[in-house]
N, C-alpha and C. Protein backbone atom coordinates (compact mmCIF):
# COMPACT_ATOMS: atom_id res chain seq x y z
N UNK A 1 0.85 -1.17 0.00
CA UNK A 1 0.00 0.00 0.00
C UNK A 1 0.89 1.23 0.00
N UNK A 2 0.49 2.23 -0.77
CA UNK A 2 1.16 3.51 -0.72
C UNK A 2 0.14 4.59 -1.05
N UNK A 3 0.48 5.82 -0.72
CA UNK A 3 -0.42 6.93 -1.00
C UNK A 3 -0.26 8.02 0.04
N UNK A 4 -1.32 8.82 0.15
CA UNK A 4 -1.31 9.92 1.11
C UNK A 4 -2.65 9.92 1.84
N UNK A 5 -2.96 11.01 2.55
CA UNK A 5 -4.20 11.06 3.34
C UNK A 5 -5.45 10.97 2.46
N UNK A 6 -5.35 11.46 1.23
CA UNK A 6 -6.52 11.56 0.35
C UNK A 6 -6.67 10.40 -0.61
N UNK A 7 -5.56 9.75 -0.96
CA UNK A 7 -5.62 8.71 -1.97
C UNK A 7 -4.62 7.60 -1.65
N UNK A 8 -5.10 6.34 -1.73
CA UNK A 8 -4.26 5.19 -1.45
C UNK A 8 -4.36 4.18 -2.58
N UNK A 9 -3.27 3.44 -2.79
CA UNK A 9 -3.21 2.35 -3.75
C UNK A 9 -2.84 1.08 -3.01
N UNK A 10 -3.51 0.00 -3.34
CA UNK A 10 -3.26 -1.30 -2.72
C UNK A 10 -2.95 -2.32 -3.82
N UNK A 11 -1.95 -3.15 -3.58
CA UNK A 11 -1.58 -4.23 -4.48
C UNK A 11 -1.77 -5.54 -3.72
N UNK A 12 -2.64 -6.39 -4.21
CA UNK A 12 -2.93 -7.66 -3.54
C UNK A 12 -2.83 -8.81 -4.54
N UNK A 13 -2.17 -9.89 -4.12
CA UNK A 13 -2.17 -11.12 -4.88
C UNK A 13 -3.27 -11.99 -4.29
N UNK A 14 -4.19 -12.43 -5.13
CA UNK A 14 -5.33 -13.23 -4.69
C UNK A 14 -5.34 -14.56 -5.44
N UNK A 15 -6.17 -15.48 -4.98
CA UNK A 15 -6.34 -16.76 -5.65
C UNK A 15 -7.82 -16.93 -5.99
N UNK A 16 -8.10 -17.22 -7.25
CA UNK A 16 -9.48 -17.37 -7.71
C UNK A 16 -10.03 -18.74 -7.32
N UNK A 17 -11.31 -18.93 -7.59
CA UNK A 17 -11.95 -20.21 -7.27
C UNK A 17 -11.31 -21.38 -8.00
N UNK A 18 -10.78 -21.10 -9.21
CA UNK A 18 -10.13 -22.18 -9.96
C UNK A 18 -8.64 -22.31 -9.61
N UNK A 19 -8.24 -21.70 -8.49
CA UNK A 19 -6.90 -21.79 -7.92
C UNK A 19 -5.83 -21.05 -8.72
N UNK A 20 -6.21 -20.18 -9.64
CA UNK A 20 -5.23 -19.37 -10.37
C UNK A 20 -5.02 -18.06 -9.61
N UNK A 21 -3.79 -17.57 -9.66
CA UNK A 21 -3.47 -16.32 -8.99
C UNK A 21 -3.78 -15.13 -9.89
N UNK A 22 -4.07 -14.01 -9.26
CA UNK A 22 -4.26 -12.76 -9.98
C UNK A 22 -3.82 -11.59 -9.10
N UNK A 23 -3.49 -10.50 -9.76
CA UNK A 23 -3.09 -9.27 -9.08
C UNK A 23 -4.27 -8.31 -9.11
N UNK A 24 -4.64 -7.80 -7.94
CA UNK A 24 -5.69 -6.79 -7.87
C UNK A 24 -5.08 -5.48 -7.39
N UNK A 25 -5.22 -4.44 -8.20
CA UNK A 25 -4.74 -3.10 -7.85
C UNK A 25 -5.98 -2.26 -7.56
N UNK A 26 -6.03 -1.72 -6.36
CA UNK A 26 -7.19 -0.94 -5.92
C UNK A 26 -6.75 0.49 -5.62
N UNK A 27 -7.55 1.43 -6.07
CA UNK A 27 -7.34 2.84 -5.78
C UNK A 27 -8.51 3.30 -4.92
N UNK A 28 -8.20 3.88 -3.78
CA UNK A 28 -9.23 4.42 -2.89
C UNK A 28 -8.98 5.91 -2.74
N UNK A 29 -9.98 6.70 -3.06
CA UNK A 29 -9.84 8.16 -3.07
C UNK A 29 -10.91 8.79 -2.19
N UNK A 30 -10.49 9.75 -1.38
CA UNK A 30 -11.43 10.50 -0.54
C UNK A 30 -11.68 11.85 -1.17
N UNK A 31 -12.97 12.17 -1.34
CA UNK A 31 -13.38 13.47 -1.86
C UNK A 31 -14.40 14.04 -0.89
N UNK A 32 -13.94 14.93 -0.04
CA UNK A 32 -14.81 15.46 1.01
C UNK A 32 -15.10 14.36 2.02
N UNK A 33 -16.39 14.11 2.26
CA UNK A 33 -16.79 13.06 3.20
C UNK A 33 -17.11 11.74 2.51
N UNK A 34 -16.88 11.65 1.21
CA UNK A 34 -17.19 10.42 0.48
C UNK A 34 -15.90 9.77 -0.04
N UNK A 35 -15.99 8.47 -0.24
CA UNK A 35 -14.88 7.69 -0.76
C UNK A 35 -15.30 7.05 -2.07
N UNK A 36 -14.36 6.95 -2.99
CA UNK A 36 -14.60 6.19 -4.21
C UNK A 36 -13.49 5.15 -4.33
N UNK A 37 -13.82 4.06 -4.98
CA UNK A 37 -12.86 2.97 -5.12
C UNK A 37 -12.93 2.42 -6.53
N UNK A 38 -11.79 2.17 -7.12
CA UNK A 38 -11.74 1.53 -8.43
C UNK A 38 -10.68 0.44 -8.37
N UNK A 39 -10.86 -0.57 -9.21
CA UNK A 39 -9.96 -1.71 -9.20
C UNK A 39 -9.62 -2.14 -10.62
N UNK A 40 -8.46 -2.75 -10.74
CA UNK A 40 -8.08 -3.44 -11.96
C UNK A 40 -7.59 -4.82 -11.55
N UNK A 41 -7.99 -5.81 -12.30
CA UNK A 41 -7.60 -7.19 -12.02
C UNK A 41 -6.77 -7.69 -13.19
N UNK A 42 -5.61 -8.24 -12.88
CA UNK A 42 -4.72 -8.80 -13.88
C UNK A 42 -4.48 -10.27 -13.56
N UNK A 43 -4.89 -11.13 -14.46
CA UNK A 43 -4.73 -12.56 -14.23
C UNK A 43 -3.29 -12.98 -14.49
N UNK A 44 -2.90 -14.05 -13.86
CA UNK A 44 -1.52 -14.52 -13.87
C UNK A 44 -0.94 -14.61 -15.29
N UNK A 45 -1.72 -15.12 -16.22
CA UNK A 45 -1.21 -15.28 -17.59
C UNK A 45 -1.03 -13.94 -18.30
N UNK A 46 -1.65 -12.86 -17.81
CA UNK A 46 -1.52 -11.54 -18.41
C UNK A 46 -0.43 -10.68 -17.77
N UNK A 47 0.10 -11.10 -16.65
CA UNK A 47 1.10 -10.29 -15.94
C UNK A 47 2.36 -10.01 -16.77
N UNK A 48 2.91 -10.97 -17.54
CA UNK A 48 4.08 -10.63 -18.34
C UNK A 48 3.81 -9.51 -19.34
N UNK A 49 2.64 -9.48 -19.96
CA UNK A 49 2.28 -8.42 -20.90
C UNK A 49 2.15 -7.08 -20.18
N UNK A 50 1.55 -7.10 -19.00
CA UNK A 50 1.39 -5.89 -18.20
C UNK A 50 2.75 -5.33 -17.81
N UNK A 51 3.64 -6.19 -17.32
CA UNK A 51 4.98 -5.76 -16.90
C UNK A 51 5.74 -5.19 -18.09
N UNK A 52 5.63 -5.83 -19.24
CA UNK A 52 6.30 -5.34 -20.44
C UNK A 52 5.77 -3.95 -20.83
N UNK A 53 4.46 -3.78 -20.79
CA UNK A 53 3.86 -2.49 -21.15
C UNK A 53 4.28 -1.39 -20.18
N UNK A 54 4.26 -1.67 -18.89
CA UNK A 54 4.67 -0.68 -17.89
C UNK A 54 6.15 -0.34 -18.06
N UNK A 55 6.97 -1.35 -18.32
CA UNK A 55 8.40 -1.13 -18.53
C UNK A 55 8.64 -0.23 -19.73
N UNK A 56 7.94 -0.48 -20.83
CA UNK A 56 8.08 0.35 -22.03
C UNK A 56 7.63 1.78 -21.74
N UNK A 57 6.50 1.94 -21.06
CA UNK A 57 5.98 3.27 -20.75
C UNK A 57 6.95 4.05 -19.87
N UNK A 58 7.47 3.41 -18.83
CA UNK A 58 8.41 4.10 -17.94
C UNK A 58 9.72 4.42 -18.65
N UNK A 59 10.15 3.55 -19.56
CA UNK A 59 11.34 3.84 -20.35
C UNK A 59 11.14 5.06 -21.23
N UNK A 60 9.98 5.14 -21.86
CA UNK A 60 9.67 6.32 -22.69
C UNK A 60 9.57 7.58 -21.84
N UNK A 61 8.98 7.45 -20.67
CA UNK A 61 8.87 8.61 -19.78
C UNK A 61 10.26 9.09 -19.36
N UNK A 62 11.14 8.15 -19.04
CA UNK A 62 12.49 8.52 -18.59
C UNK A 62 13.27 9.24 -19.68
N UNK A 63 13.00 8.91 -20.94
CA UNK A 63 13.72 9.55 -22.05
C UNK A 63 12.96 10.73 -22.64
N UNK A 64 11.80 11.05 -22.05
CA UNK A 64 10.99 12.17 -22.56
C UNK A 64 10.35 11.89 -23.91
N UNK A 65 10.12 10.62 -24.20
CA UNK A 65 9.60 10.22 -25.50
C UNK A 65 8.20 9.59 -25.38
N UNK A 66 7.30 10.28 -24.70
CA UNK A 66 5.94 9.74 -24.53
C UNK A 66 5.07 9.97 -25.75
N UNK A 67 5.44 10.92 -26.61
CA UNK A 67 4.65 11.18 -27.80
C UNK A 67 3.34 11.88 -27.50
N UNK A 68 3.30 12.64 -26.42
CA UNK A 68 2.09 13.36 -26.03
C UNK A 68 2.21 14.80 -26.50
N UNK A 69 1.21 15.27 -27.23
CA UNK A 69 1.19 16.68 -27.63
C UNK A 69 0.27 17.46 -26.72
N UNK A 70 0.69 18.63 -26.36
CA UNK A 70 -0.11 19.47 -25.44
C UNK A 70 -1.04 20.37 -26.19
């Protein structure tokens, strides 16, 4: 878990009913007196693709080559 007083992120490894593992990333955000929560679920077989995509994105960010026009 990481974050601040207003927004937190949680990373959990879970096991499904069919005994396969998955990664659940949860974002919890406080806005005034209310909370919102969103999640993304990545199944074990998709994790290598996710890691590759994040690695490529962070590499592009580090070199200033995101290709985003303002």
